[in-house]
Amino acid sequence: MRTISTPDAPAAIGPYTQAQISGNHLFTAGQIPLVPETMEMVTGSIEAQTEQVLKNLSAVLAAASTSWDRVVKTTVFLTDLGDFAAFNAVYARVLGEAKPARSTVQVAALPRGANVEIELIAEV
């Protein structure tokens, strides 16, 4: 196993790592809309929060020398499924032609009051 860590994504806020490579797969921790440089939350719209989460995950993918077109599965946690359409529009734009399998669930709460969290599995 190999640990992936990059200053271009938020540092872990608990006893975990940004990601691990096991075999030929990358497993990320869930990313919330923290700005890496300040560790402050992006507040406001679900679109702005989703943009930051995907930016953070893009940085982890790059640190592992992989990309969105090699993502096999994402798991999305939303605090309000009413945000699904707005979230999905940003997700589709950022991922482009990449179409990984995905689960989306509504949860009661996320760390630091985030409205979205995403984790993924990718090939490396």
Protein backbone atom coordinates (compact mmCIF):
# COMPACT_ATOMS: atom_id res chain seq x y z
CA MET A 1 0.00 0.00 0.00
CA ARG A 2 1.12 3.56 -0.70
CA THR A 3 -0.22 6.74 0.92
CA ILE A 4 -1.10 9.68 -1.32
CA SER A 5 -0.84 13.17 0.13
CA THR A 6 -0.79 16.51 -1.66
CA PRO A 7 -0.83 20.10 -0.40
CA ASP A 8 -3.19 20.87 -3.30
CA ALA A 9 -6.04 19.15 -1.41
CA PRO A 10 -7.10 19.72 2.19
CA ALA A 11 -5.07 18.00 4.87
CA ALA A 12 -6.90 15.27 6.76
CA ILE A 13 -8.93 16.64 9.67
CA GLY A 14 -8.78 13.34 11.55
CA PRO A 15 -6.84 10.08 11.78
CA TYR A 16 -6.91 9.23 8.07
CA THR A 17 -5.09 10.00 4.81
CA GLN A 18 -6.24 11.74 1.65
CA ALA A 19 -5.91 8.48 -0.28
CA GLN A 20 -4.29 5.06 -0.44
CA ILE A 21 -3.13 3.05 -3.43
CA SER A 22 -3.61 -0.68 -3.06
CA GLY A 23 -2.65 -2.80 -6.05
CA ASN A 24 -3.71 -0.79 -9.08
CA HIS A 25 -6.52 1.13 -7.37
CA LEU A 26 -6.71 4.47 -5.62
CA PHE A 27 -9.15 4.79 -2.73
CA THR A 28 -9.80 8.35 -1.57
CA ALA A 29 -11.15 9.63 1.69
CA GLY A 30 -14.28 11.70 1.36
CA GLN A 31 -13.59 15.28 0.33
CA ILE A 32 -15.66 18.18 1.59
CA PRO A 33 -15.48 21.78 0.29
CA LEU A 34 -12.41 22.87 2.24
CA VAL A 35 -9.98 25.26 0.57
CA PRO A 36 -6.54 23.61 0.97
CA GLU A 37 -4.59 26.82 1.53
CA THR A 38 -6.79 28.08 4.36
CA MET A 39 -8.67 24.95 5.50
CA GLU A 40 -11.78 27.15 5.47
CA MET A 41 -15.11 25.86 4.15
CA VAL A 42 -16.59 27.14 0.93
CA THR A 43 -20.01 28.35 1.96
CA GLY A 44 -23.01 29.23 -0.11
CA SER A 45 -24.49 27.36 -3.03
CA ILE A 46 -24.28 23.64 -3.64
CA GLU A 47 -22.64 24.51 -6.96
CA ALA A 48 -19.77 26.37 -5.26
CA GLN A 49 -19.31 23.59 -2.72
CA THR A 50 -19.37 20.91 -5.42
CA GLU A 51 -16.78 22.81 -7.50
CA GLN A 52 -14.40 22.85 -4.52
CA VAL A 53 -14.92 19.17 -3.70
CA LEU A 54 -14.21 18.17 -7.29
CA LYS A 55 -11.16 20.46 -7.39
CA ASN A 56 -9.86 18.74 -4.24
CA LEU A 57 -10.45 15.29 -5.73
CA SER A 58 -8.77 16.35 -8.99
CA ALA A 59 -5.67 17.29 -6.96
CA VAL A 60 -5.64 13.88 -5.25
CA LEU A 61 -6.06 12.13 -8.61
CA ALA A 62 -3.15 14.14 -10.05
CA ALA A 63 -0.96 13.32 -7.03
CA ALA A 64 -1.63 9.64 -7.73
CA SER A 65 -0.83 10.12 -11.46
CA THR A 66 -4.35 9.29 -12.56
CA SER A 67 -7.38 11.24 -13.78
CA TRP A 68 -11.16 11.39 -13.94
CA ASP A 69 -11.26 9.10 -16.99
CA ARG A 70 -9.81 6.33 -14.78
CA VAL A 71 -12.34 6.76 -11.97
CA VAL A 72 -14.34 3.56 -11.53
CA LYS A 73 -16.80 4.59 -8.79
CA THR A 74 -17.84 7.66 -6.85
CA THR A 75 -19.99 7.86 -3.75
CA VAL A 76 -21.75 11.17 -3.19
CA PHE A 77 -23.22 12.30 0.12
CA LEU A 78 -25.68 15.22 0.04
CA THR A 79 -27.43 16.74 3.03
CA ASP A 80 -30.42 17.58 0.80
CA LEU A 81 -31.41 15.53 -2.24
CA GLY A 82 -33.27 18.65 -3.35
CA ASP A 83 -29.78 19.84 -4.41
CA PHE A 84 -29.34 16.83 -6.72
CA ALA A 85 -30.03 18.59 -10.04
CA ALA A 86 -27.72 21.53 -9.26
CA PHE A 87 -25.03 19.17 -7.97
CA ASN A 88 -25.38 16.94 -11.00
CA ALA A 89 -24.94 19.82 -13.45
CA VAL A 90 -21.55 20.74 -11.92
CA TYR A 91 -20.50 17.08 -11.63
CA ALA A 92 -21.32 16.38 -15.29
CA ARG A 93 -19.48 19.51 -16.47
CA VAL A 94 -16.33 18.78 -14.47
CA LEU A 95 -16.18 15.06 -15.28
CA GLY A 96 -16.91 15.61 -18.98
CA GLU A 97 -16.85 12.30 -20.81
CA ALA A 98 -15.93 10.34 -17.67
CA LYS A 99 -18.95 8.37 -16.49
CA PRO A 100 -17.97 6.32 -13.42
CA ALA A 101 -20.51 4.24 -11.55
CA ARG A 102 -22.03 6.37 -8.80
CA SER A 103 -24.13 6.16 -5.68
CA THR A 104 -25.77 9.28 -4.25
CA VAL A 105 -27.31 9.30 -0.79
CA GLN A 106 -28.84 11.88 1.49
CA VAL A 107 -27.29 12.10 4.95
CA ALA A 108 -28.32 13.97 8.10
CA ALA A 109 -25.05 15.90 8.42
CA LEU A 110 -21.50 16.11 7.10
CA PRO A 111 -18.27 17.31 8.74
CA ARG A 112 -17.94 21.07 9.30
CA GLY A 113 -21.48 21.70 8.06
CA ALA A 114 -20.68 20.75 4.45
CA ASN A 115 -23.59 20.09 2.11
CA VAL A 116 -21.66 17.67 -0.13
CA GLU A 117 -18.92 15.06 0.28
CA ILE A 118 -17.52 12.76 -2.41
CA GLU A 119 -15.18 9.77 -2.25
CA LEU A 120 -13.93 7.73 -5.19
CA ILE A 121 -12.11 4.67 -6.43
CA ALA A 122 -9.87 4.97 -9.49
CA GLU A 123 -7.42 2.87 -11.46
CA VAL A 124 -3.79 3.97 -11.30
